[in-house]
Amino acid sequence: MPPATPLLREMRPEDVPAVLAGQEPAAVAGLSDVFPQDLHPFPRQTIADRWLAEIEDAATSCFVIVRHDRVVGFAAVRGDEVVHFGVEVEQWGTGVAAAAQDELLEVMRAGGVQRPWLRVYAGNARGRRFWEKLGWRPTGETARGTLPPYAELLTYELAG
């Protein structure tokens, strides 16, 4: 069971290496069906540059998920969209991700968001199960990812 203390804090540029240290193995483990590593290896520098740009972007709120004084995940929101969310592989199944999602929703609602939404790769069965277990539902809308192979993304929303 995750702790009752807050899990989220604002992401700073100096957090990016720790974020990537957890994000890369989780992406490789969880998204290998979407991004076969022999064809589309984790784009570490592209993701680092994106994080740094988003930290500076006033329209995007970036967070680290911290447990026991250590970065174990990340989240980012832009308006009513959850843009990025994940925890390191070692946290899978511990309840930390669900607790961080709850905290993130509190932050969004405090900012006036009434109907949050996100996109998840159609081929990310684990991710889809996670969001659906927490009450998120597909809207039927689709899009394409911004990185090769430009995989299909499904839009999910959390109603009231």
C-alpha atoms as a PDB file:
ATOM      1  CA  MET A   1       0.000   0.000   0.000  1.00  0.00           C
ATOM      2  CA  PRO A   2       1.449   3.388  -0.964  1.00  0.00           C
ATOM      3  CA  PRO A   3       2.114   5.989   1.712  1.00  0.00           C
ATOM      4  CA  ALA A   4      -0.424   8.665   2.670  1.00  0.00           C
ATOM      5  CA  THR A   5       2.193  11.387   2.174  1.00  0.00           C
ATOM      6  CA  PRO A   6       2.069  13.326  -1.094  1.00  0.00           C
ATOM      7  CA  LEU A   7       3.718  11.546  -3.995  1.00  0.00           C
ATOM      8  CA  LEU A   8       3.858  14.385  -6.517  1.00  0.00           C
ATOM      9  CA  ARG A   9       6.192  17.332  -6.604  1.00  0.00           C
ATOM     10  CA  GLU A  10       7.044  19.744  -9.374  1.00  0.00           C
ATOM     11  CA  MET A  11       9.646  18.404 -11.797  1.00  0.00           C
ATOM     12  CA  ARG A  12      12.871  20.370 -12.119  1.00  0.00           C
ATOM     13  CA  PRO A  13      15.493  20.127 -14.891  1.00  0.00           C
ATOM     14  CA  GLU A  14      17.858  18.299 -12.536  1.00  0.00           C
ATOM     15  CA  ASP A  15      15.201  15.556 -12.122  1.00  0.00           C
ATOM     16  CA  VAL A  16      15.312  14.571 -15.799  1.00  0.00           C
ATOM     17  CA  PRO A  17      18.171  12.017 -15.476  1.00  0.00           C
ATOM     18  CA  ALA A  18      16.332  10.239 -12.635  1.00  0.00           C
ATOM     19  CA  VAL A  19      13.081  10.325 -14.598  1.00  0.00           C
ATOM     20  CA  LEU A  20      14.783   8.792 -17.637  1.00  0.00           C
ATOM     21  CA  ALA A  21      16.473   6.143 -15.477  1.00  0.00           C
ATOM     22  CA  GLY A  22      13.034   4.809 -14.567  1.00  0.00           C
ATOM     23  CA  GLN A  23      11.153   5.728 -17.735  1.00  0.00           C
ATOM     24  CA  GLU A  24      13.423   3.930 -20.196  1.00  0.00           C
ATOM     25  CA  PRO A  25      13.261   0.416 -18.642  1.00  0.00           C
ATOM     26  CA  ALA A  26       9.505   0.772 -18.079  1.00  0.00           C
ATOM     27  CA  ALA A  27       8.953   1.897 -21.674  1.00  0.00           C
ATOM     28  CA  VAL A  28      11.055  -0.965 -23.018  1.00  0.00           C
ATOM     29  CA  ALA A  29       9.208  -3.493 -20.817  1.00  0.00           C
ATOM     30  CA  GLY A  30       5.722  -2.102 -21.310  1.00  0.00           C
ATOM     31  CA  LEU A  31       5.798  -0.846 -24.876  1.00  0.00           C
ATOM     32  CA  SER A  32       7.927  -3.396 -26.730  1.00  0.00           C
ATOM     33  CA  ASP A  33       4.881  -4.471 -28.756  1.00  0.00           C
ATOM     34  CA  VAL A  34       4.438  -0.854 -29.856  1.00  0.00           C
ATOM     35  CA  PHE A  35       8.127   0.048 -30.206  1.00  0.00           C
ATOM     36  CA  PRO A  36      10.133  -3.086 -31.087  1.00  0.00           C
ATOM     37  CA  GLN A  37      13.563  -2.246 -29.700  1.00  0.00           C
ATOM     38  CA  ASP A  38      15.468  -3.608 -32.705  1.00  0.00           C
ATOM     39  CA  LEU A  39      13.636  -1.129 -34.960  1.00  0.00           C
ATOM     40  CA  HIS A  40      12.663   1.702 -32.598  1.00  0.00           C
ATOM     41  CA  PRO A  41      14.963   1.832 -29.556  1.00  0.00           C
ATOM     42  CA  PHE A  42      14.043   4.163 -26.702  1.00  0.00           C
ATOM     43  CA  PRO A  43      14.896   7.685 -27.944  1.00  0.00           C
ATOM     44  CA  ARG A  44      16.617   8.800 -24.738  1.00  0.00           C
ATOM     45  CA  GLN A  45      17.910  12.184 -25.964  1.00  0.00           C
ATOM     46  CA  THR A  46      14.618  13.059 -27.686  1.00  0.00           C
ATOM     47  CA  ILE A  47      12.686  12.270 -24.499  1.00  0.00           C
ATOM     48  CA  ALA A  48      15.182  14.221 -22.344  1.00  0.00           C
ATOM     49  CA  ASP A  49      14.872  17.235 -24.633  1.00  0.00           C
ATOM     50  CA  ARG A  50      11.078  16.953 -24.562  1.00  0.00           C
ATOM     51  CA  TRP A  51      11.043  16.881 -20.745  1.00  0.00           C
ATOM     52  CA  LEU A  52      13.278  19.951 -20.552  1.00  0.00           C
ATOM     53  CA  ALA A  53      11.062  21.847 -23.008  1.00  0.00           C
ATOM     54  CA  GLU A  54       7.896  20.841 -21.176  1.00  0.00           C
ATOM     55  CA  ILE A  55       9.316  21.883 -17.793  1.00  0.00           C
ATOM     56  CA  GLU A  56       9.852  25.359 -19.287  1.00  0.00           C
ATOM     57  CA  ASP A  57       6.427  25.434 -20.989  1.00  0.00           C
ATOM     58  CA  ALA A  58       4.002  27.427 -18.826  1.00  0.00           C
ATOM     59  CA  ALA A  59       1.070  25.492 -20.333  1.00  0.00           C
ATOM     60  CA  THR A  60       2.426  22.145 -19.108  1.00  0.00           C
ATOM     61  CA  SER A  61       2.717  21.066 -15.477  1.00  0.00           C
ATOM     62  CA  CYS A  62       5.380  18.385 -14.990  1.00  0.00           C
ATOM     63  CA  PHE A  63       5.690  16.306 -11.832  1.00  0.00           C
ATOM     64  CA  VAL A  64       7.902  13.611 -10.432  1.00  0.00           C
ATOM     65  CA  ILE A  65       6.442  10.793  -8.362  1.00  0.00           C
ATOM     66  CA  VAL A  66       8.562  10.471  -5.246  1.00  0.00           C
ATOM     67  CA  ARG A  67       8.579   7.597  -2.791  1.00  0.00           C
ATOM     68  CA  HIS A  68      11.070   7.270   0.070  1.00  0.00           C
ATOM     69  CA  ASP A  69      12.874  10.415  -1.172  1.00  0.00           C
ATOM     70  CA  ARG A  70      13.514   8.832  -4.578  1.00  0.00           C
ATOM     71  CA  VAL A  71      12.030   9.610  -8.000  1.00  0.00           C
ATOM     72  CA  VAL A  72      10.005   6.563  -9.045  1.00  0.00           C
ATOM     73  CA  GLY A  73       7.842   8.033 -11.786  1.00  0.00           C
ATOM     74  CA  PHE A  74       6.562  11.038 -13.669  1.00  0.00           C
ATOM     75  CA  ALA A  75       3.406  12.808 -14.752  1.00  0.00           C
ATOM     76  CA  ALA A  76       2.591  15.814 -16.893  1.00  0.00           C
ATOM     77  CA  VAL A  77      -0.665  17.601 -17.615  1.00  0.00           C
ATOM     78  CA  ARG A  78      -1.629  20.274 -20.090  1.00  0.00           C
ATOM     79  CA  GLY A  79      -5.039  21.731 -19.442  1.00  0.00           C
ATOM     80  CA  ASP A  80      -7.451  18.820 -19.123  1.00  0.00           C
ATOM     81  CA  GLU A  81      -5.077  16.281 -20.715  1.00  0.00           C
ATOM     82  CA  VAL A  82      -2.802  13.873 -18.891  1.00  0.00           C
ATOM     83  CA  VAL A  83       0.102  14.108 -21.340  1.00  0.00           C
ATOM     84  CA  HIS A  84       2.571  11.705 -19.665  1.00  0.00           C
ATOM     85  CA  PHE A  85       2.296   9.276 -16.784  1.00  0.00           C
ATOM     86  CA  GLY A  86       4.387   6.336 -15.654  1.00  0.00           C
ATOM     87  CA  VAL A  87       6.266   4.635 -12.861  1.00  0.00           C
ATOM     88  CA  GLU A  88       9.417   2.556 -12.850  1.00  0.00           C
ATOM     89  CA  VAL A  89       9.050  -1.191 -13.365  1.00  0.00           C
ATOM     90  CA  GLU A  90       9.843  -1.900  -9.697  1.00  0.00           C
ATOM     91  CA  GLN A  91       6.703   0.041  -8.708  1.00  0.00           C
ATOM     92  CA  TRP A  92       4.342  -1.895 -10.977  1.00  0.00           C
ATOM     93  CA  GLY A  93       1.616  -3.572  -8.928  1.00  0.00           C
ATOM     94  CA  THR A  94       2.464  -1.736  -5.676  1.00  0.00           C
ATOM     95  CA  GLY A  95      -0.401   0.771  -5.782  1.00  0.00           C
ATOM     96  CA  VAL A  96       1.953   3.738  -6.210  1.00  0.00           C
ATOM     97  CA  ALA A  97       0.732   4.489  -9.743  1.00  0.00           C
ATOM     98  CA  ALA A  98      -2.934   4.412  -8.708  1.00  0.00           C
ATOM     99  CA  ALA A  99      -2.216   6.677  -5.716  1.00  0.00           C
ATOM    100  CA  ALA A 100      -0.227   9.078  -7.907  1.00  0.00           C
ATOM    101  CA  GLN A 101      -3.075   9.129 -10.443  1.00  0.00           C
ATOM    102  CA  ASP A 102      -5.506  10.023  -7.639  1.00  0.00           C
ATOM    103  CA  GLU A 103      -3.230  12.838  -6.503  1.00  0.00           C
ATOM    104  CA  LEU A 104      -2.805  14.070 -10.074  1.00  0.00           C
ATOM    105  CA  LEU A 105      -6.578  14.167 -10.514  1.00  0.00           C
ATOM    106  CA  GLU A 106      -6.858  16.249  -7.327  1.00  0.00           C
ATOM    107  CA  VAL A 107      -4.370  18.738  -8.776  1.00  0.00           C
ATOM    108  CA  MET A 108      -6.283  18.866 -12.057  1.00  0.00           C
ATOM    109  CA  ARG A 109      -9.655  19.316 -10.359  1.00  0.00           C
ATOM    110  CA  ALA A 110      -8.226  22.072  -8.161  1.00  0.00           C
ATOM    111  CA  GLY A 111      -7.276  23.770 -11.434  1.00  0.00           C
ATOM    112  CA  GLY A 112     -10.854  23.556 -12.699  1.00  0.00           C
ATOM    113  CA  VAL A 113     -10.618  20.426 -14.861  1.00  0.00           C
ATOM    114  CA  GLN A 114     -13.936  18.609 -14.931  1.00  0.00           C
ATOM    115  CA  ARG A 115     -13.361  15.959 -17.562  1.00  0.00           C
ATOM    116  CA  PRO A 116      -9.733  14.816 -17.767  1.00  0.00           C
ATOM    117  CA  TRP A 117      -8.570  12.810 -20.757  1.00  0.00           C
ATOM    118  CA  LEU A 118      -5.473  11.037 -22.003  1.00  0.00           C
ATOM    119  CA  ARG A 119      -4.166   8.928 -24.826  1.00  0.00           C
ATOM    120  CA  VAL A 120      -2.739   5.430 -24.548  1.00  0.00           C
ATOM    121  CA  TYR A 121      -1.188   3.307 -27.267  1.00  0.00           C
ATOM    122  CA  ALA A 122      -3.672   0.795 -28.665  1.00  0.00           C
ATOM    123  CA  GLY A 123      -0.943  -1.867 -28.425  1.00  0.00           C
ATOM    124  CA  ASN A 124      -0.232  -1.114 -24.760  1.00  0.00           C
ATOM    125  CA  ALA A 125      -2.479  -3.755 -23.178  1.00  0.00           C
ATOM    126  CA  ARG A 126      -0.995  -3.302 -19.697  1.00  0.00           C
ATOM    127  CA  GLY A 127      -1.494   0.461 -19.810  1.00  0.00           C
ATOM    128  CA  ARG A 128      -5.037   0.143 -21.083  1.00  0.00           C
ATOM    129  CA  ARG A 129      -5.900  -2.305 -18.270  1.00  0.00           C
ATOM    130  CA  PHE A 130      -4.418   0.104 -15.703  1.00  0.00           C
ATOM    131  CA  TRP A 131      -6.472   3.085 -16.875  1.00  0.00           C
ATOM    132  CA  GLU A 132      -9.657   1.044 -17.307  1.00  0.00           C
ATOM    133  CA  LYS A 133      -9.301  -0.396 -13.789  1.00  0.00           C
ATOM    134  CA  LEU A 134      -9.233   3.192 -12.496  1.00  0.00           C
ATOM    135  CA  GLY A 135     -12.454   4.084 -14.319  1.00  0.00           C
ATOM    136  CA  TRP A 136     -11.127   5.633 -17.523  1.00  0.00           C
ATOM    137  CA  ARG A 137     -13.102   4.733 -20.653  1.00  0.00           C
ATOM    138  CA  PRO A 138     -12.233   4.876 -24.367  1.00  0.00           C
ATOM    139  CA  THR A 139     -14.042   7.614 -26.289  1.00  0.00           C
ATOM    140  CA  GLY A 140     -13.652   6.036 -29.724  1.00  0.00           C
ATOM    141  CA  GLU A 141     -11.301   8.833 -30.843  1.00  0.00           C
ATOM    142  CA  THR A 142      -7.898   7.854 -32.183  1.00  0.00           C
ATOM    143  CA  ALA A 143      -4.688   9.664 -33.077  1.00  0.00           C
ATOM    144  CA  ARG A 144      -1.130   8.766 -34.053  1.00  0.00           C
ATOM    145  CA  GLY A 145       1.971   8.948 -31.888  1.00  0.00           C
ATOM    146  CA  THR A 146       4.616  11.563 -32.634  1.00  0.00           C
ATOM    147  CA  LEU A 147       7.549   9.113 -32.736  1.00  0.00           C
ATOM    148  CA  PRO A 148       8.175   6.314 -35.261  1.00  0.00           C
ATOM    149  CA  PRO A 149       6.383   3.997 -35.920  1.00  0.00           C
ATOM    150  CA  TYR A 150       3.603   6.560 -35.287  1.00  0.00           C
ATOM    151  CA  ALA A 151       1.466   3.943 -33.566  1.00  0.00           C
ATOM    152  CA  GLU A 152      -2.247   4.330 -32.954  1.00  0.00           C
ATOM    153  CA  LEU A 153      -3.299   6.097 -29.771  1.00  0.00           C
ATOM    154  CA  LEU A 154      -6.718   5.662 -28.167  1.00  0.00           C
ATOM    155  CA  THR A 155      -8.341   8.549 -26.313  1.00  0.00           C
ATOM    156  CA  TYR A 156      -9.667   7.800 -22.827  1.00  0.00           C
ATOM    157  CA  GLU A 157     -11.671  10.045 -20.535  1.00  0.00           C
ATOM    158  CA  LEU A 158     -12.703   9.994 -16.925  1.00  0.00           C
ATOM    159  CA  ALA A 159     -16.260  11.177 -16.540  1.00  0.00           C
ATOM    160  CA  GLY A 160     -17.331  13.165 -13.461  1.00  0.00           C
END
